[in-house]
Structures are given as C-alpha cells and as structure tokens.
Amino acid sequence: MSRVSRVPYHQNVYDLLQLEPGESPEAARMIAEHEAQHGSLPASVKEWYLGPNLVDPHFLCTDEVLKHLREG
C-alpha cells in the first residue's frame, strides 16, 4: 500500500484487515443526503461509513444512531 492512499483516521484498521481504502458510491450518496438534512457528520465517522464493505450505510440513517453520533 502506498503512502498516497493513506487515510487519516482509520489507517490502522485498514492495515490490520489488509484492505485498501476506497469509497462506496451508495454510502457517499446517503451521507450527502443525511448531511443536507441534519448537518455535517464528524470527519472520522464520515470516513468510516464511506469505506466500501465495512459498514452497512443504512445503519447510519437510524434516529438512534444519529442521536448518539451528535451527542458524542
């Protein structure tokens, strides 16, 4: 893996799982829709949910999860 492809928040996870960072187009669309309605997500949360095949982006769209992310 080249240094150019490093991601700031979760690189250790990618390294441990031997995954290349990337971006899920579906997750990017869902995050953009969410942020348009509710405001920005923290960068680390956004990065994690953008990763392909890491987390189901539909999980992000529940009120309980959003409340938890906002309150910290």
C-alpha atoms as a PDB file:
ATOM      1  CA  MET A   1       0.000   0.000   0.000  1.00  0.00           C
ATOM      2  CA  SER A   2       1.418   3.350  -0.964  1.00  0.00           C
ATOM      3  CA  ARG A   3       1.613   6.326   1.386  1.00  0.00           C
ATOM      4  CA  VAL A   4      -0.500   8.315  -1.076  1.00  0.00           C
ATOM      5  CA  SER A   5      -3.508   6.089  -0.339  1.00  0.00           C
ATOM      6  CA  ARG A   6      -3.290   6.519   3.464  1.00  0.00           C
ATOM      7  CA  VAL A   7      -6.437   7.626   5.282  1.00  0.00           C
ATOM      8  CA  PRO A   8      -6.043   9.717   8.434  1.00  0.00           C
ATOM      9  CA  TYR A   9      -8.495   8.218  10.916  1.00  0.00           C
ATOM     10  CA  HIS A  10      -8.722   4.506  10.221  1.00  0.00           C
ATOM     11  CA  GLN A  11      -5.486   3.538   8.542  1.00  0.00           C
ATOM     12  CA  ASN A  12      -4.586   1.100  11.322  1.00  0.00           C
ATOM     13  CA  VAL A  13      -7.877  -0.749  10.773  1.00  0.00           C
ATOM     14  CA  TYR A  14      -7.286  -0.929   7.025  1.00  0.00           C
ATOM     15  CA  ASP A  15      -3.767  -2.221   7.675  1.00  0.00           C
ATOM     16  CA  LEU A  16      -4.932  -4.877  10.147  1.00  0.00           C
ATOM     17  CA  LEU A  17      -7.675  -6.074   7.816  1.00  0.00           C
ATOM     18  CA  GLN A  18      -5.374  -5.841   4.799  1.00  0.00           C
ATOM     19  CA  LEU A  19      -7.842  -3.643   2.939  1.00  0.00           C
ATOM     20  CA  GLU A  20      -7.259  -0.823   0.515  1.00  0.00           C
ATOM     21  CA  PRO A  21      -9.182   2.319   1.416  1.00  0.00           C
ATOM     22  CA  GLY A  22     -11.871   3.342  -1.010  1.00  0.00           C
ATOM     23  CA  GLU A  23     -15.302   4.886  -1.179  1.00  0.00           C
ATOM     24  CA  SER A  24     -18.729   3.369  -1.591  1.00  0.00           C
ATOM     25  CA  PRO A  25     -20.805   5.459  -4.028  1.00  0.00           C
ATOM     26  CA  GLU A  26     -24.031   4.389  -2.262  1.00  0.00           C
ATOM     27  CA  ALA A  27     -22.652   5.416   1.126  1.00  0.00           C
ATOM     28  CA  ALA A  28     -21.445   8.756  -0.284  1.00  0.00           C
ATOM     29  CA  ARG A  29     -24.935   9.460  -1.644  1.00  0.00           C
ATOM     30  CA  MET A  30     -26.606   8.513   1.646  1.00  0.00           C
ATOM     31  CA  ILE A  31     -24.186  10.603   3.705  1.00  0.00           C
ATOM     32  CA  ALA A  32     -24.695  13.619   1.419  1.00  0.00           C
ATOM     33  CA  GLU A  33     -28.474  13.276   1.808  1.00  0.00           C
ATOM     34  CA  HIS A  34     -28.150  12.973   5.578  1.00  0.00           C
ATOM     35  CA  GLU A  35     -25.834  15.969   5.864  1.00  0.00           C
ATOM     36  CA  ALA A  36     -28.168  18.081   3.705  1.00  0.00           C
ATOM     37  CA  GLN A  37     -30.971  17.432   6.202  1.00  0.00           C
ATOM     38  CA  HIS A  38     -29.123  17.219   9.531  1.00  0.00           C
ATOM     39  CA  GLY A  39     -25.748  18.947   9.135  1.00  0.00           C
ATOM     40  CA  SER A  40     -22.221  17.613   8.893  1.00  0.00           C
ATOM     41  CA  LEU A  41     -21.031  14.412  10.489  1.00  0.00           C
ATOM     42  CA  PRO A  42     -17.644  14.244  12.212  1.00  0.00           C
ATOM     43  CA  ALA A  43     -14.907  13.538   9.655  1.00  0.00           C
ATOM     44  CA  SER A  44     -13.891  10.238  11.269  1.00  0.00           C
ATOM     45  CA  VAL A  45     -17.486   8.946  11.212  1.00  0.00           C
ATOM     46  CA  LYS A  46     -17.943  10.015   7.627  1.00  0.00           C
ATOM     47  CA  GLU A  47     -14.690   8.324   6.598  1.00  0.00           C
ATOM     48  CA  TRP A  48     -15.667   5.056   8.292  1.00  0.00           C
ATOM     49  CA  TYR A  49     -19.096   4.893   6.655  1.00  0.00           C
ATOM     50  CA  LEU A  50     -17.636   5.792   3.243  1.00  0.00           C
ATOM     51  CA  GLY A  51     -15.361   2.752   3.274  1.00  0.00           C
ATOM     52  CA  PRO A  52     -16.545   0.043   0.900  1.00  0.00           C
ATOM     53  CA  ASN A  53     -17.871  -3.140   2.507  1.00  0.00           C
ATOM     54  CA  LEU A  54     -17.050  -2.047   6.064  1.00  0.00           C
ATOM     55  CA  VAL A  55     -20.381  -0.898   7.469  1.00  0.00           C
ATOM     56  CA  ASP A  56     -23.873  -1.024   6.034  1.00  0.00           C
ATOM     57  CA  PRO A  57     -24.596   2.657   5.286  1.00  0.00           C
ATOM     58  CA  HIS A  58     -28.282   2.056   6.018  1.00  0.00           C
ATOM     59  CA  PHE A  59     -27.278   1.654   9.672  1.00  0.00           C
ATOM     60  CA  LEU A  60     -26.277   5.325   9.739  1.00  0.00           C
ATOM     61  CA  CYS A  61     -29.780   6.506   8.903  1.00  0.00           C
ATOM     62  CA  THR A  62     -31.497   5.443  12.111  1.00  0.00           C
ATOM     63  CA  ASP A  63     -32.570   8.112  14.600  1.00  0.00           C
ATOM     64  CA  GLU A  64     -30.899   6.268  17.480  1.00  0.00           C
ATOM     65  CA  VAL A  65     -27.513   6.164  15.738  1.00  0.00           C
ATOM     66  CA  LEU A  66     -27.747   9.797  14.662  1.00  0.00           C
ATOM     67  CA  LYS A  67     -28.597  10.908  18.192  1.00  0.00           C
ATOM     68  CA  HIS A  68     -25.617   9.001  19.576  1.00  0.00           C
ATOM     69  CA  LEU A  69     -23.238  10.475  16.967  1.00  0.00           C
ATOM     70  CA  ARG A  70     -24.440  14.022  17.636  1.00  0.00           C
ATOM     71  CA  GLU A  71     -24.161  13.726  21.430  1.00  0.00           C
ATOM     72  CA  GLY A  72     -20.784  12.013  21.369  1.00  0.00           C
END
